[in-house]
Amino acid sequence: MSTDATAYVLKKMDWMRVERIWPNGLRYLWTDAFGLVLLVSLYAEFGDKKFLDQAEWLVAEVDRVLGRARGVRIGEAPDRDGQYFHYLAVWLYALAVLARYRPAYRGKGIDLVRQTHRAFVLPGRGVIWKMQEDLSGPYPGYGLGALDAFDGYISYRCLGEELLRREIAEMKALIDQAAPELFITQDLGLGMMLWMTHFFPEEEWAVSQRGRCLRQLDAMWRRGSYFCREPELPDVKIAFTNYGVSVGLQAVREMPQRVLRLNEFFDSFRSGDEYDREAITHVMACNSRFPGYFLRDFRGSADPS
């Protein structure tokens, strides 16, 4: 990993802490999952135990603030109630990453699957996108998630192939049902799907989705600077969603010049809204420069394995 990338990340993390943006700001499960992977990746890169200590502190804080009897709340703010399956899935992935160095977190992740899977998953139909906070039923106004079965399949396999065999099989059946007709047009969804395809790249769904996503993203590249939000929204640009695209492209080793360009563009871009200071923007900026364990084959400079 380039010293420029890690220097950027360390400087950004110091700034976020001083500004009380992250990790000492409001809890938000998506951001905390990306941040957890970042911290463990920094430990692998530098061998400094403080990053692993911060990672364990973060998990404890998520448990304390967002943890529920079953599952994990979306965020700390009043309007971030309920539970999203895709947020839980990326948190599960982050726990699997931490378990590389602290094996007990694998069991913690598997326990979380067993708390939540049956509430969200409708075998043969799909995965409910958002649930009530106590998992008593679907959140009003929300249906099935288009990518959620893929999210669960990847995270479950990373956590425990044998212990989660039944749950993995249910997710795979939903993937086989959905993948042939699935065409993603949203920037972050495209990035996350690309990222998921790189874990098991020879599986049929991964081959077809990778090609579709790359073609769609090529059509959404705008002004040599960014990926638009949707094809019909060519001028809408969001920093954190582009950073998610960046991680996906790096996972499949495509469009490296566009990754560089979008990082440069959003480093100076200001949206003029709350996202200029939201933790999700700045944590994912770090992931974009230093994806670390978001890449299957990452080996940090100090990684003892």
Protein backbone atom coordinates (compact mmCIF):
# COMPACT_ATOMS: atom_id res chain seq x y z
CA MET A 1 0.00 0.00 0.00
CA SER A 2 1.38 3.40 -0.95
CA THR A 3 2.65 5.65 1.83
CA ASP A 4 0.58 8.48 0.31
CA ALA A 5 -2.62 6.48 0.84
CA THR A 6 -1.90 5.57 4.44
CA ALA A 7 -0.69 9.07 5.24
CA TYR A 8 -3.98 10.42 3.89
CA VAL A 9 -5.92 7.95 6.04
CA LEU A 10 -4.05 8.70 9.25
CA LYS A 11 -4.41 12.44 8.76
CA LYS A 12 -8.12 12.08 7.99
CA MET A 13 -8.66 9.91 11.07
CA ASP A 14 -6.91 12.42 13.32
CA TRP A 15 -9.08 15.21 11.89
CA MET A 16 -12.29 13.22 12.35
CA ARG A 17 -11.46 12.56 15.99
CA VAL A 18 -10.65 16.22 16.70
CA GLU A 19 -13.91 17.27 15.03
CA ARG A 20 -15.85 14.54 16.91
CA ILE A 21 -17.08 13.06 13.65
CA TRP A 22 -15.80 9.47 14.05
CA PRO A 23 -15.27 7.25 15.98
CA ASN A 24 -16.34 9.62 18.76
CA GLY A 25 -19.49 10.89 17.03
CA LEU A 26 -22.97 9.42 16.70
CA ARG A 27 -23.04 5.70 16.02
CA TYR A 28 -24.23 4.55 12.58
CA LEU A 29 -23.89 0.86 11.74
CA TRP A 30 -22.88 1.17 8.08
CA THR A 31 -20.13 3.69 8.85
CA ASP A 32 -18.95 1.74 11.87
CA ALA A 33 -18.67 -1.44 9.78
CA PHE A 34 -16.52 0.31 7.19
CA GLY A 35 -14.52 1.90 9.99
CA LEU A 36 -13.99 -1.43 11.73
CA VAL A 37 -12.51 -2.94 8.56
CA LEU A 38 -10.33 0.16 8.24
CA LEU A 39 -8.95 -0.16 11.78
CA VAL A 40 -8.12 -3.84 11.42
CA SER A 41 -6.49 -3.13 8.05
CA LEU A 42 -4.33 -0.43 9.63
CA TYR A 43 -3.26 -2.92 12.28
CA ALA A 44 -2.25 -5.34 9.52
CA GLU A 45 -0.37 -2.58 7.73
CA PHE A 46 1.51 -1.09 10.67
CA GLY A 47 1.44 -3.72 13.40
CA ASP A 48 0.49 -1.09 15.95
CA LYS A 49 -1.75 -2.66 18.59
CA LYS A 50 -3.56 0.64 19.17
CA PHE A 51 -5.56 0.03 15.99
CA LEU A 52 -6.70 -3.38 17.21
CA ASP A 53 -7.58 -1.90 20.60
CA GLN A 54 -9.61 0.81 18.84
CA ALA A 55 -11.37 -1.87 16.78
CA GLU A 56 -12.43 -3.76 19.90
CA TRP A 57 -13.51 -0.53 21.57
CA LEU A 58 -15.65 0.26 18.52
CA VAL A 59 -17.42 -3.11 18.65
CA ALA A 60 -18.14 -2.57 22.33
CA GLU A 61 -19.55 0.89 21.60
CA VAL A 62 -21.77 -0.41 18.81
CA ASP A 63 -23.06 -3.07 21.18
CA ARG A 64 -23.64 -0.52 23.93
CA VAL A 65 -25.41 2.09 21.81
CA LEU A 66 -27.03 0.14 18.97
CA GLY A 67 -27.19 -3.43 20.23
CA ARG A 68 -30.61 -4.91 20.85
CA ALA A 69 -31.81 -8.21 22.30
CA ARG A 70 -31.97 -9.41 18.72
CA GLY A 71 -29.86 -7.59 16.15
CA VAL A 72 -28.43 -4.10 15.86
CA ARG A 73 -30.26 -0.80 15.33
CA ILE A 74 -29.44 1.23 12.20
CA GLY A 75 -28.08 4.29 14.00
CA GLU A 76 -28.07 6.39 17.12
CA ALA A 77 -29.99 9.40 15.76
CA PRO A 78 -33.77 9.34 16.37
CA ASP A 79 -34.58 8.95 12.66
CA ARG A 80 -32.29 5.94 12.28
CA ASP A 81 -34.49 3.40 13.98
CA GLY A 82 -35.25 -0.11 12.81
CA GLN A 83 -32.83 -2.62 11.34
CA TYR A 84 -31.52 -2.92 7.77
CA PHE A 85 -30.38 -6.35 6.68
CA HIS A 86 -27.65 -5.00 4.41
CA TYR A 87 -26.21 -2.97 7.29
CA LEU A 88 -26.17 -6.07 9.47
CA ALA A 89 -24.45 -7.97 6.66
CA VAL A 90 -21.59 -5.51 6.29
CA TRP A 91 -21.21 -5.47 10.09
CA LEU A 92 -20.98 -9.26 10.01
CA TYR A 93 -18.27 -9.00 7.39
CA ALA A 94 -16.39 -6.52 9.57
CA LEU A 95 -16.61 -8.89 12.55
CA ALA A 96 -15.19 -11.67 10.37
CA VAL A 97 -12.27 -9.37 9.51
CA LEU A 98 -11.61 -8.62 13.18
CA ALA A 99 -11.79 -12.35 13.92
CA ARG A 100 -8.58 -12.80 11.92
CA TYR A 101 -6.78 -11.45 14.97
CA ARG A 102 -9.38 -11.90 17.71
CA PRO A 103 -11.11 -15.23 16.98
CA ALA A 104 -13.91 -14.72 19.52
CA TYR A 105 -15.54 -12.21 17.18
CA ARG A 106 -16.34 -14.99 14.72
CA GLY A 107 -18.63 -16.53 17.29
CA LYS A 108 -20.13 -13.11 17.97
CA GLY A 109 -20.96 -12.74 14.28
CA ILE A 110 -22.45 -16.22 14.02
CA ASP A 111 -24.62 -15.50 17.05
CA LEU A 112 -25.85 -12.32 15.35
CA VAL A 113 -26.81 -14.32 12.25
CA ARG A 114 -28.82 -16.66 14.40
CA GLN A 115 -30.57 -13.74 16.07
CA THR A 116 -31.62 -12.09 12.82
CA HIS A 117 -31.65 -14.48 9.85
CA ARG A 118 -35.05 -16.05 10.41
CA ALA A 119 -36.72 -12.67 10.93
CA PHE A 120 -35.42 -11.21 7.67
CA VAL A 121 -35.31 -14.17 5.29
CA LEU A 122 -38.35 -15.56 3.52
CA PRO A 123 -37.11 -18.76 1.83
CA GLY A 124 -38.05 -18.87 -1.83
CA ARG A 125 -39.15 -15.23 -1.80
CA GLY A 126 -36.43 -12.89 -0.65
CA VAL A 127 -34.95 -10.87 2.21
CA ILE A 128 -36.94 -8.14 3.93
CA TRP A 129 -35.07 -4.87 3.47
CA LYS A 130 -35.98 -3.19 6.76
CA MET A 131 -37.45 -4.59 9.95
CA GLN A 132 -38.95 -3.13 13.08
CA GLU A 133 -36.30 -2.55 15.72
CA ASP A 134 -37.40 -5.56 17.78
CA LEU A 135 -37.65 -7.71 14.61
CA SER A 136 -41.34 -8.25 15.28
CA GLY A 137 -42.25 -7.53 11.66
CA PRO A 138 -41.37 -5.58 8.52
CA TYR A 139 -40.95 -1.83 8.86
CA PRO A 140 -44.03 -0.13 7.36
CA GLY A 141 -43.62 0.80 3.72
CA TYR A 142 -40.62 -1.42 2.96
CA GLY A 143 -40.47 -4.59 0.88
CA LEU A 144 -37.76 -7.01 -0.22
CA GLY A 145 -34.18 -5.91 -0.85
CA ALA A 146 -32.68 -6.49 -4.28
CA LEU A 147 -29.12 -7.15 -3.08
CA ASP A 148 -29.73 -8.42 0.43
CA ALA A 149 -29.45 -12.14 -0.35
CA PHE A 150 -26.07 -11.48 -1.98
CA ASP A 151 -24.97 -9.45 1.07
CA GLY A 152 -25.90 -12.25 3.43
CA TYR A 153 -24.36 -14.98 1.27
CA ILE A 154 -20.95 -13.27 1.24
CA SER A 155 -20.92 -12.33 4.91
CA TYR A 156 -22.16 -15.72 6.07
CA ARG A 157 -19.53 -17.55 4.04
CA CYS A 158 -16.79 -15.29 5.38
CA LEU A 159 -17.96 -15.97 8.94
CA GLY A 160 -18.42 -19.72 8.93
CA GLU A 161 -19.06 -22.09 6.04
CA GLU A 162 -19.85 -25.10 8.20
CA LEU A 163 -21.72 -23.53 11.10
CA LEU A 164 -23.96 -21.49 8.78
CA ARG A 165 -24.46 -24.09 6.08
CA ARG A 166 -28.27 -23.96 6.15
CA GLU A 167 -28.43 -20.17 6.13
CA ILE A 168 -25.89 -19.98 3.30
CA ALA A 169 -27.90 -22.45 1.25
CA GLU A 170 -31.05 -20.37 1.69
CA MET A 171 -29.23 -17.25 0.51
CA LYS A 172 -27.73 -19.08 -2.45
CA ALA A 173 -31.16 -20.29 -3.53
CA LEU A 174 -32.42 -16.70 -3.47
CA ILE A 175 -29.39 -15.56 -5.49
CA ASP A 176 -29.98 -18.22 -8.14
CA GLN A 177 -33.57 -17.06 -8.35
CA ALA A 178 -32.80 -13.34 -8.59
CA ALA A 179 -29.46 -12.98 -10.36
CA PRO A 180 -30.51 -13.74 -13.97
CA GLU A 181 -32.94 -10.79 -14.06
CA LEU A 182 -31.10 -8.38 -11.75
CA PHE A 183 -29.89 -5.17 -13.40
CA ILE A 184 -28.52 -2.60 -10.94
CA THR A 185 -28.54 1.08 -11.88
CA GLN A 186 -27.63 2.85 -8.61
CA ASP A 187 -23.98 3.80 -8.07
CA LEU A 188 -23.45 2.36 -4.58
CA GLY A 189 -25.37 -0.80 -5.41
CA LEU A 190 -23.12 -1.31 -8.43
CA GLY A 191 -20.01 -0.82 -6.34
CA MET A 192 -21.12 -3.19 -3.61
CA MET A 193 -22.15 -5.84 -6.10
CA LEU A 194 -18.75 -5.64 -7.79
CA TRP A 195 -17.14 -6.03 -4.39
CA MET A 196 -19.25 -9.10 -3.64
CA THR A 197 -18.41 -10.74 -6.97
CA HIS A 198 -14.70 -10.84 -6.19
CA PHE A 199 -15.01 -13.34 -3.34
CA PHE A 200 -16.23 -16.23 -5.47
CA PRO A 201 -15.52 -14.86 -8.95
CA GLU A 202 -16.16 -18.05 -10.89
CA GLU A 203 -19.70 -18.58 -9.63
CA GLU A 204 -22.26 -17.97 -12.37
CA TRP A 205 -24.02 -15.08 -10.62
CA ALA A 206 -20.68 -13.34 -10.03
CA VAL A 207 -19.59 -13.63 -13.66
CA SER A 208 -22.84 -12.22 -15.02
CA GLN A 209 -23.21 -9.45 -12.43
CA ARG A 210 -19.62 -8.32 -12.79
CA GLY A 211 -20.06 -7.78 -16.50
CA ARG A 212 -23.38 -5.99 -16.11
CA CYS A 213 -22.08 -3.71 -13.37
CA LEU A 214 -18.96 -2.70 -15.28
CA ARG A 215 -20.97 -1.89 -18.40
CA GLN A 216 -23.44 0.17 -16.37
CA LEU A 217 -20.73 2.07 -14.55
CA ASP A 218 -18.96 2.84 -17.82
CA ALA A 219 -22.15 4.52 -19.01
CA MET A 220 -22.45 6.48 -15.75
CA TRP A 221 -18.95 8.02 -15.74
CA ARG A 222 -19.36 11.78 -16.02
CA ARG A 223 -17.02 14.58 -17.05
CA GLY A 224 -13.96 12.54 -16.31
CA SER A 225 -14.61 13.05 -12.61
CA TYR A 226 -17.33 10.94 -11.00
CA PHE A 227 -20.02 8.30 -11.36
CA CYS A 228 -23.52 9.76 -11.36
CA ARG A 229 -26.13 8.49 -8.94
CA GLU A 230 -28.38 6.88 -11.58
CA PRO A 231 -28.39 6.97 -15.39
CA GLU A 232 -31.38 9.33 -15.36
CA LEU A 233 -29.64 11.59 -12.80
CA PRO A 234 -26.46 12.46 -14.70
CA ASP A 235 -25.60 15.53 -12.62
CA VAL A 236 -26.24 14.02 -9.19
CA LYS A 237 -22.96 13.14 -7.49
CA ILE A 238 -22.47 11.83 -3.95
CA ALA A 239 -19.06 11.38 -2.41
CA PHE A 240 -19.65 8.33 -0.21
CA THR A 241 -21.45 6.38 -2.92
CA ASN A 242 -18.57 7.03 -5.31
CA TYR A 243 -16.19 5.79 -2.65
CA GLY A 244 -18.24 2.60 -2.51
CA VAL A 245 -17.88 2.28 -6.28
CA SER A 246 -14.14 2.78 -5.84
CA VAL A 247 -13.89 -0.13 -3.40
CA GLY A 248 -15.82 -2.35 -5.80
CA LEU A 249 -13.65 -1.41 -8.77
CA GLN A 250 -10.49 -2.04 -6.79
CA ALA A 251 -11.82 -5.44 -5.74
CA VAL A 252 -12.21 -6.52 -9.38
CA ARG A 253 -9.14 -4.56 -10.54
CA GLU A 254 -10.93 -2.40 -13.06
CA MET A 255 -10.88 1.29 -14.06
CA PRO A 256 -7.88 2.28 -11.87
CA GLN A 257 -7.59 5.73 -13.46
CA ARG A 258 -11.22 6.48 -12.68
CA VAL A 259 -10.66 5.47 -9.07
CA LEU A 260 -7.80 7.95 -8.86
CA ARG A 261 -9.83 10.66 -10.56
CA LEU A 262 -12.90 10.33 -8.36
CA ASN A 263 -10.74 10.43 -5.24
CA GLU A 264 -9.14 13.65 -6.46
CA PHE A 265 -12.50 15.15 -7.43
CA PHE A 266 -14.29 14.45 -4.15
CA ASP A 267 -11.35 15.54 -2.05
CA SER A 268 -12.22 19.12 -2.98
CA PHE A 269 -15.92 18.74 -3.82
CA ARG A 270 -18.42 20.16 -1.33
CA SER A 271 -22.08 19.24 -1.57
CA GLY A 272 -23.26 22.08 0.66
CA ASP A 273 -25.39 19.75 2.77
CA GLU A 274 -24.94 17.61 5.88
CA TYR A 275 -22.82 15.08 4.00
CA ASP A 276 -19.87 17.47 3.98
CA ARG A 277 -19.35 16.55 7.65
CA GLU A 278 -21.08 13.19 7.94
CA ALA A 279 -18.84 10.39 9.13
CA ILE A 280 -19.93 8.15 6.24
CA THR A 281 -18.28 10.54 3.77
CA HIS A 282 -14.94 10.68 5.52
CA VAL A 283 -14.65 7.08 6.70
CA MET A 284 -15.43 5.82 3.21
CA ALA A 285 -12.92 8.29 1.75
CA CYS A 286 -10.37 6.38 3.80
CA ASN A 287 -11.66 3.02 2.55
CA SER A 288 -11.41 4.27 -1.02
CA ARG A 289 -7.73 5.15 -0.63
CA PHE A 290 -6.91 2.16 1.54
CA PRO A 291 -9.46 -0.64 1.04
CA GLY A 292 -7.37 -3.06 3.07
CA TYR A 293 -9.37 -6.12 4.11
CA PHE A 294 -12.22 -5.15 1.80
CA LEU A 295 -9.97 -6.83 -0.76
CA ARG A 296 -9.91 -10.60 -0.52
CA ASP A 297 -6.16 -10.89 -1.15
CA PHE A 298 -5.01 -8.01 1.06
CA ARG A 299 -1.92 -8.67 3.12
CA GLY A 300 -0.70 -5.80 5.23
CA SER A 301 3.00 -5.08 5.57
CA ALA A 302 2.93 -6.17 9.23
CA ASP A 303 0.40 -9.00 8.85
CA PRO A 304 1.97 -12.00 10.63
CA SER A 305 -0.04 -14.49 8.54
